[in-house]
Amino acid sequence: GINFTAYNFSGSFIPILLSVFCMS
Protein backbone atom coordinates (compact mmCIF):
# COMPACT_ATOMS: atom_id res chain seq x y z
CA GLY A 1 0.00 0.00 0.00
CA ILE A 2 3.05 2.29 -0.11
CA ASN A 3 3.62 4.18 -3.35
CA PHE A 4 7.25 4.69 -4.38
CA THR A 5 9.49 5.26 -7.39
CA ALA A 6 10.71 1.86 -8.60
CA TYR A 7 14.30 0.86 -9.27
CA ASN A 8 15.26 -2.22 -11.29
CA PHE A 9 18.10 -4.10 -9.59
CA SER A 10 19.58 -5.89 -12.63
CA GLY A 11 23.27 -5.12 -13.05
CA SER A 12 23.35 -2.93 -9.93
CA PHE A 13 25.62 -3.25 -6.90
CA ILE A 14 24.87 -0.38 -4.50
CA PRO A 15 21.35 -1.42 -3.35
CA ILE A 16 22.30 -5.02 -2.51
CA LEU A 17 25.40 -3.90 -0.58
CA LEU A 18 23.28 -1.47 1.45
CA SER A 19 20.67 -4.16 2.08
CA VAL A 20 23.11 -6.84 3.21
CA PHE A 21 25.09 -4.36 5.32
CA CYS A 22 21.99 -3.32 7.25
CA MET A 23 20.65 -6.88 7.43
CA SER A 24 23.92 -8.03 9.01
PDB file of all heavy atoms in Angstrom:
ATOM      1  N   GLY A   1       0.793  -1.222   0.000  1.00  0.00           N
ATOM      2  CA  GLY A   1       0.000   0.000   0.000  1.00  0.00           C
ATOM      3  C   GLY A   1       0.824   1.270   0.000  1.00  0.00           C
ATOM      4  O   GLY A   1       0.275   2.372   0.082  1.00  0.00           O
ATOM      5  N   ILE A   2       2.147   1.127  -0.105  1.00  0.00           N
ATOM      6  CA  ILE A   2       3.047   2.293  -0.109  1.00  0.00           C
ATOM      7  C   ILE A   2       3.473   2.580  -1.544  1.00  0.00           C
ATOM      8  O   ILE A   2       4.010   1.707  -2.235  1.00  0.00           O
ATOM      9  CB  ILE A   2       4.297   2.033   0.760  1.00  0.00           C
ATOM     10  CG1 ILE A   2       3.887   1.687   2.197  1.00  0.00           C
ATOM     11  CG2 ILE A   2       5.237   3.237   0.733  1.00  0.00           C
ATOM     12  CD1 ILE A   2       5.038   1.215   3.062  1.00  0.00           C
ATOM     13  N   ASN A   3       3.219   3.790  -2.002  1.00  0.00           N
ATOM     14  CA  ASN A   3       3.623   4.182  -3.347  1.00  0.00           C
ATOM     15  C   ASN A   3       5.069   4.682  -3.325  1.00  0.00           C
ATOM     16  O   ASN A   3       5.466   5.414  -2.419  1.00  0.00           O
ATOM     17  CB  ASN A   3       2.701   5.283  -3.880  1.00  0.00           C
ATOM     18  CG  ASN A   3       1.272   4.805  -4.042  1.00  0.00           C
ATOM     19  OD1 ASN A   3       1.044   3.674  -4.470  1.00  0.00           O
ATOM     20  ND2 ASN A   3       0.304   5.650  -3.706  1.00  0.00           N
ATOM     21  N   PHE A   4       5.844   4.288  -4.325  1.00  0.00           N
ATOM     22  CA  PHE A   4       7.249   4.688  -4.380  1.00  0.00           C
ATOM     23  C   PHE A   4       7.722   4.668  -5.833  1.00  0.00           C
ATOM     24  O   PHE A   4       7.043   4.136  -6.718  1.00  0.00           O
ATOM     25  CB  PHE A   4       8.120   3.752  -3.528  1.00  0.00           C
ATOM     26  CG  PHE A   4       8.188   2.335  -4.041  1.00  0.00           C
ATOM     27  CD1 PHE A   4       9.303   1.880  -4.740  1.00  0.00           C
ATOM     28  CD2 PHE A   4       7.120   1.450  -3.844  1.00  0.00           C
ATOM     29  CE1 PHE A   4       9.364   0.588  -5.218  1.00  0.00           C
ATOM     30  CE2 PHE A   4       7.182   0.152  -4.323  1.00  0.00           C
ATOM     31  CZ  PHE A   4       8.305  -0.290  -5.010  1.00  0.00           C
ATOM     32  N   THR A   5       8.895   5.265  -6.063  1.00  0.00           N
ATOM     33  CA  THR A   5       9.493   5.256  -7.394  1.00  0.00           C
ATOM     34  C   THR A   5      10.370   4.018  -7.522  1.00  0.00           C
ATOM     35  O   THR A   5      11.321   3.841  -6.763  1.00  0.00           O
ATOM     36  CB  THR A   5      10.336   6.525  -7.631  1.00  0.00           C
ATOM     37  OG1 THR A   5       9.506   7.671  -7.468  1.00  0.00           O
ATOM     38  CG2 THR A   5      10.930   6.524  -9.032  1.00  0.00           C
ATOM     39  N   ALA A   6      10.064   3.166  -8.477  1.00  0.00           N
ATOM     40  CA  ALA A   6      10.710   1.863  -8.595  1.00  0.00           C
ATOM     41  C   ALA A   6      12.143   1.988  -9.102  1.00  0.00           C
ATOM     42  O   ALA A   6      12.509   2.969  -9.759  1.00  0.00           O
ATOM     43  CB  ALA A   6       9.904   0.964  -9.532  1.00  0.00           C
ATOM     44  N   TYR A   7      12.922   0.965  -8.772  1.00  0.00           N
ATOM     45  CA  TYR A   7      14.299   0.860  -9.269  1.00  0.00           C
ATOM     46  C   TYR A   7      14.554  -0.592  -9.627  1.00  0.00           C
ATOM     47  O   TYR A   7      14.346  -1.491  -8.807  1.00  0.00           O
ATOM     48  CB  TYR A   7      15.300   1.314  -8.205  1.00  0.00           C
ATOM     49  CG  TYR A   7      16.747   1.209  -8.633  1.00  0.00           C
ATOM     50  CD1 TYR A   7      17.315   2.152  -9.477  1.00  0.00           C
ATOM     51  CD2 TYR A   7      17.541   0.153  -8.192  1.00  0.00           C
ATOM     52  CE1 TYR A   7      18.645   2.057  -9.876  1.00  0.00           C
ATOM     53  CE2 TYR A   7      18.874   0.049  -8.586  1.00  0.00           C
ATOM     54  CZ  TYR A   7      19.411   0.997  -9.421  1.00  0.00           C
ATOM     55  OH  TYR A   7      20.721   0.896  -9.819  1.00  0.00           O
ATOM     56  N   ASN A   8      14.979  -0.851 -10.856  1.00  0.00           N
ATOM     57  CA  ASN A   8      15.264  -2.215 -11.289  1.00  0.00           C
ATOM     58  C   ASN A   8      16.686  -2.596 -10.875  1.00  0.00           C
ATOM     59  O   ASN A   8      17.640  -1.877 -11.153  1.00  0.00           O
ATOM     60  CB  ASN A   8      15.114  -2.338 -12.806  1.00  0.00           C
ATOM     61  CG  ASN A   8      15.187  -3.771 -13.262  1.00  0.00           C
ATOM     62  OD1 ASN A   8      16.256  -4.351 -13.351  1.00  0.00           O
ATOM     63  ND2 ASN A   8      14.037  -4.362 -13.545  1.00  0.00           N
ATOM     64  N   PHE A   9      16.823  -3.729 -10.214  1.00  0.00           N
ATOM     65  CA  PHE A   9      18.099  -4.103  -9.595  1.00  0.00           C
ATOM     66  C   PHE A   9      19.095  -4.747 -10.545  1.00  0.00           C
ATOM     67  O   PHE A   9      20.252  -4.952 -10.171  1.00  0.00           O
ATOM     68  CB  PHE A   9      17.838  -5.062  -8.427  1.00  0.00           C
ATOM     69  CG  PHE A   9      17.113  -4.436  -7.275  1.00  0.00           C
ATOM     70  CD1 PHE A   9      15.729  -4.455  -7.219  1.00  0.00           C
ATOM     71  CD2 PHE A   9      17.808  -3.839  -6.243  1.00  0.00           C
ATOM     72  CE1 PHE A   9      15.049  -3.883  -6.151  1.00  0.00           C
ATOM     73  CE2 PHE A   9      17.145  -3.263  -5.166  1.00  0.00           C
ATOM     74  CZ  PHE A   9      15.760  -3.284  -5.128  1.00  0.00           C
ATOM     75  N   SER A  10      18.685  -5.132 -11.752  1.00  0.00           N
ATOM     76  CA  SER A  10      19.577  -5.885 -12.633  1.00  0.00           C
ATOM     77  C   SER A  10      20.854  -5.087 -12.933  1.00  0.00           C
ATOM     78  O   SER A  10      20.802  -3.915 -13.269  1.00  0.00           O
ATOM     79  CB  SER A  10      18.869  -6.226 -13.954  1.00  0.00           C
ATOM     80  OG  SER A  10      18.539  -5.060 -14.660  1.00  0.00           O
ATOM     81  N   GLY A  11      21.991  -5.749 -12.776  1.00  0.00           N
ATOM     82  CA  GLY A  11      23.273  -5.121 -13.055  1.00  0.00           C
ATOM     83  C   GLY A  11      23.749  -4.133 -12.008  1.00  0.00           C
ATOM     84  O   GLY A  11      24.821  -3.549 -12.142  1.00  0.00           O
ATOM     85  N   SER A  12      22.994  -3.937 -10.939  1.00  0.00           N
ATOM     86  CA  SER A  12      23.350  -2.926  -9.929  1.00  0.00           C
ATOM     87  C   SER A  12      24.190  -3.561  -8.822  1.00  0.00           C
ATOM     88  O   SER A  12      24.230  -4.771  -8.661  1.00  0.00           O
ATOM     89  CB  SER A  12      22.094  -2.305  -9.323  1.00  0.00           C
ATOM     90  OG  SER A  12      21.376  -3.266  -8.575  1.00  0.00           O
ATOM     91  N   PHE A  13      24.857  -2.710  -8.027  1.00  0.00           N
ATOM     92  CA  PHE A  13      25.624  -3.246  -6.901  1.00  0.00           C
ATOM     93  C   PHE A  13      25.394  -2.459  -5.618  1.00  0.00           C
ATOM     94  O   PHE A  13      25.524  -3.001  -4.532  1.00  0.00           O
ATOM     95  CB  PHE A  13      27.127  -3.276  -7.230  1.00  0.00           C
ATOM     96  CG  PHE A  13      27.800  -1.936  -7.286  1.00  0.00           C
ATOM     97  CD1 PHE A  13      28.441  -1.433  -6.172  1.00  0.00           C
ATOM     98  CD2 PHE A  13      27.803  -1.180  -8.440  1.00  0.00           C
ATOM     99  CE1 PHE A  13      29.082  -0.194  -6.205  1.00  0.00           C
ATOM    100  CE2 PHE A  13      28.433   0.046  -8.489  1.00  0.00           C
ATOM    101  CZ  PHE A  13      29.077   0.545  -7.374  1.00  0.00           C
ATOM    102  N   ILE A  14      25.024  -1.190  -5.711  1.00  0.00           N
ATOM    103  CA  ILE A  14      24.869  -0.376  -4.500  1.00  0.00           C
ATOM    104  C   ILE A  14      23.695  -0.834  -3.642  1.00  0.00           C
ATOM    105  O   ILE A  14      23.845  -1.014  -2.421  1.00  0.00           O
ATOM    106  CB  ILE A  14      24.745   1.116  -4.859  1.00  0.00           C
ATOM    107  CG1 ILE A  14      26.024   1.601  -5.547  1.00  0.00           C
ATOM    108  CG2 ILE A  14      24.462   1.956  -3.619  1.00  0.00           C
ATOM    109  CD1 ILE A  14      25.958   3.032  -6.043  1.00  0.00           C
ATOM    110  N   PRO A  15      22.488  -1.047  -4.207  1.00  0.00           N
ATOM    111  CA  PRO A  15      21.352  -1.422  -3.347  1.00  0.00           C
ATOM    112  C   PRO A  15      21.577  -2.718  -2.572  1.00  0.00           C
ATOM    113  O   PRO A  15      21.255  -2.785  -1.381  1.00  0.00           O
ATOM    114  CB  PRO A  15      20.203  -1.574  -4.344  1.00  0.00           C
ATOM    115  CG  PRO A  15      20.565  -0.715  -5.494  1.00  0.00           C
ATOM    116  CD  PRO A  15      22.050  -0.838  -5.602  1.00  0.00           C
ATOM    117  N   ILE A  16      22.140  -3.739  -3.214  1.00  0.00           N
ATOM    118  CA  ILE A  16      22.304  -5.016  -2.510  1.00  0.00           C
ATOM    119  C   ILE A  16      23.364  -4.899  -1.419  1.00  0.00           C
ATOM    120  O   ILE A  16      23.240  -5.514  -0.349  1.00  0.00           O
ATOM    121  CB  ILE A  16      22.641  -6.157  -3.506  1.00  0.00           C
ATOM    122  CG1 ILE A  16      22.464  -7.510  -2.825  1.00  0.00           C
ATOM    123  CG2 ILE A  16      24.043  -6.018  -4.063  1.00  0.00           C
ATOM    124  CD1 ILE A  16      21.054  -7.836  -2.420  1.00  0.00           C
ATOM    125  N   LEU A  17      24.398  -4.089  -1.635  1.00  0.00           N
ATOM    126  CA  LEU A  17      25.396  -3.899  -0.582  1.00  0.00           C
ATOM    127  C   LEU A  17      24.791  -3.177   0.613  1.00  0.00           C
ATOM    128  O   LEU A  17      25.057  -3.529   1.765  1.00  0.00           O
ATOM    129  CB  LEU A  17      26.596  -3.118  -1.125  1.00  0.00           C
ATOM    130  CG  LEU A  17      27.432  -3.794  -2.218  1.00  0.00           C
ATOM    131  CD1 LEU A  17      28.649  -2.943  -2.560  1.00  0.00           C
ATOM    132  CD2 LEU A  17      27.870  -5.179  -1.783  1.00  0.00           C
ATOM    133  N   LEU A  18      23.968  -2.169   0.351  1.00  0.00           N
ATOM    134  CA  LEU A  18      23.279  -1.468   1.446  1.00  0.00           C
ATOM    135  C   LEU A  18      22.363  -2.420   2.200  1.00  0.00           C
ATOM    136  O   LEU A  18      22.316  -2.415   3.440  1.00  0.00           O
ATOM    137  CB  LEU A  18      22.469  -0.297   0.890  1.00  0.00           C
ATOM    138  CG  LEU A  18      23.248   0.924   0.394  1.00  0.00           C
ATOM    139  CD1 LEU A  18      22.300   1.911  -0.290  1.00  0.00           C
ATOM    140  CD2 LEU A  18      23.971   1.604   1.542  1.00  0.00           C
ATOM    141  N   SER A  19      21.620  -3.240   1.464  1.00  0.00           N
ATOM    142  CA  SER A  19      20.671  -4.161   2.082  1.00  0.00           C
ATOM    143  C   SER A  19      21.370  -5.173   2.975  1.00  0.00           C
ATOM    144  O   SER A  19      20.982  -5.391   4.126  1.00  0.00           O
ATOM    145  CB  SER A  19      19.869  -4.899   1.004  1.00  0.00           C
ATOM    146  OG  SER A  19      19.100  -4.010   0.232  1.00  0.00           O
ATOM    147  N   VAL A  20      22.414  -5.809   2.441  1.00  0.00           N
ATOM    148  CA  VAL A  20      23.110  -6.845   3.206  1.00  0.00           C
ATOM    149  C   VAL A  20      23.850  -6.240   4.400  1.00  0.00           C
ATOM    150  O   VAL A  20      23.893  -6.829   5.486  1.00  0.00           O
ATOM    151  CB  VAL A  20      24.085  -7.627   2.297  1.00  0.00           C
ATOM    152  CG1 VAL A  20      24.884  -8.641   3.105  1.00  0.00           C
ATOM    153  CG2 VAL A  20      23.319  -8.336   1.188  1.00  0.00           C
ATOM    154  N   PHE A  21      24.417  -5.047   4.212  1.00  0.00           N
ATOM    155  CA  PHE A  21      25.092  -4.361   5.316  1.00  0.00           C
ATOM    156  C   PHE A  21      24.126  -4.134   6.482  1.00  0.00           C
ATOM    157  O   PHE A  21      24.437  -4.464   7.639  1.00  0.00           O
ATOM    158  CB  PHE A  21      25.654  -3.028   4.826  1.00  0.00           C
ATOM    159  CG  PHE A  21      26.212  -2.156   5.915  1.00  0.00           C
ATOM    160  CD1 PHE A  21      27.410  -2.478   6.536  1.00  0.00           C
ATOM    161  CD2 PHE A  21      25.535  -1.013   6.317  1.00  0.00           C
ATOM    162  CE1 PHE A  21      27.921  -1.677   7.547  1.00  0.00           C
ATOM    163  CE2 PHE A  21      26.039  -0.209   7.323  1.00  0.00           C
ATOM    164  CZ  PHE A  21      27.234  -0.539   7.951  1.00  0.00           C
ATOM    165  N   CYS A  22      22.964  -3.586   6.192  1.00  0.00           N
ATOM    166  CA  CYS A  22      21.987  -3.322   7.254  1.00  0.00           C
ATOM    167  C   CYS A  22      21.419  -4.622   7.820  1.00  0.00           C
ATOM    168  O   CYS A  22      21.197  -4.734   9.037  1.00  0.00           O
ATOM    169  CB  CYS A  22      20.850  -2.447   6.718  1.00  0.00           C
ATOM    170  SG  CYS A  22      21.379  -0.780   6.274  1.00  0.00           S
ATOM    171  N   MET A  23      21.189  -5.601   6.960  1.00  0.00           N
ATOM    172  CA  MET A  23      20.654  -6.875   7.431  1.00  0.00           C
ATOM    173  C   MET A  23      21.629  -7.577   8.361  1.00  0.00           C
ATOM    174  O   MET A  23      21.224  -8.294   9.292  1.00  0.00           O
ATOM    175  CB  MET A  23      20.319  -7.775   6.237  1.00  0.00           C
ATOM    176  CG  MET A  23      19.563  -9.045   6.626  1.00  0.00           C
ATOM    177  SD  MET A  23      19.163 -10.103   5.213  1.00  0.00           S
ATOM    178  CE  MET A  23      20.779 -10.801   4.862  1.00  0.00           C
ATOM    179  N   SER A  24      22.936  -7.375   8.152  1.00  0.00           N
ATOM    180  CA  SER A  24      23.924  -8.032   9.012  1.00  0.00           C
ATOM    181  C   SER A  24      23.776  -7.562  10.458  1.00  0.00           C
ATOM    182  O   SER A  24      23.906  -8.358  11.391  1.00  0.00           O
ATOM    183  CB  SER A  24      25.338  -7.754   8.496  1.00  0.00           C
ATOM    184  OG  SER A  24      25.704  -6.394   8.637  1.00  0.00           O
TER     185      SER A  24
END
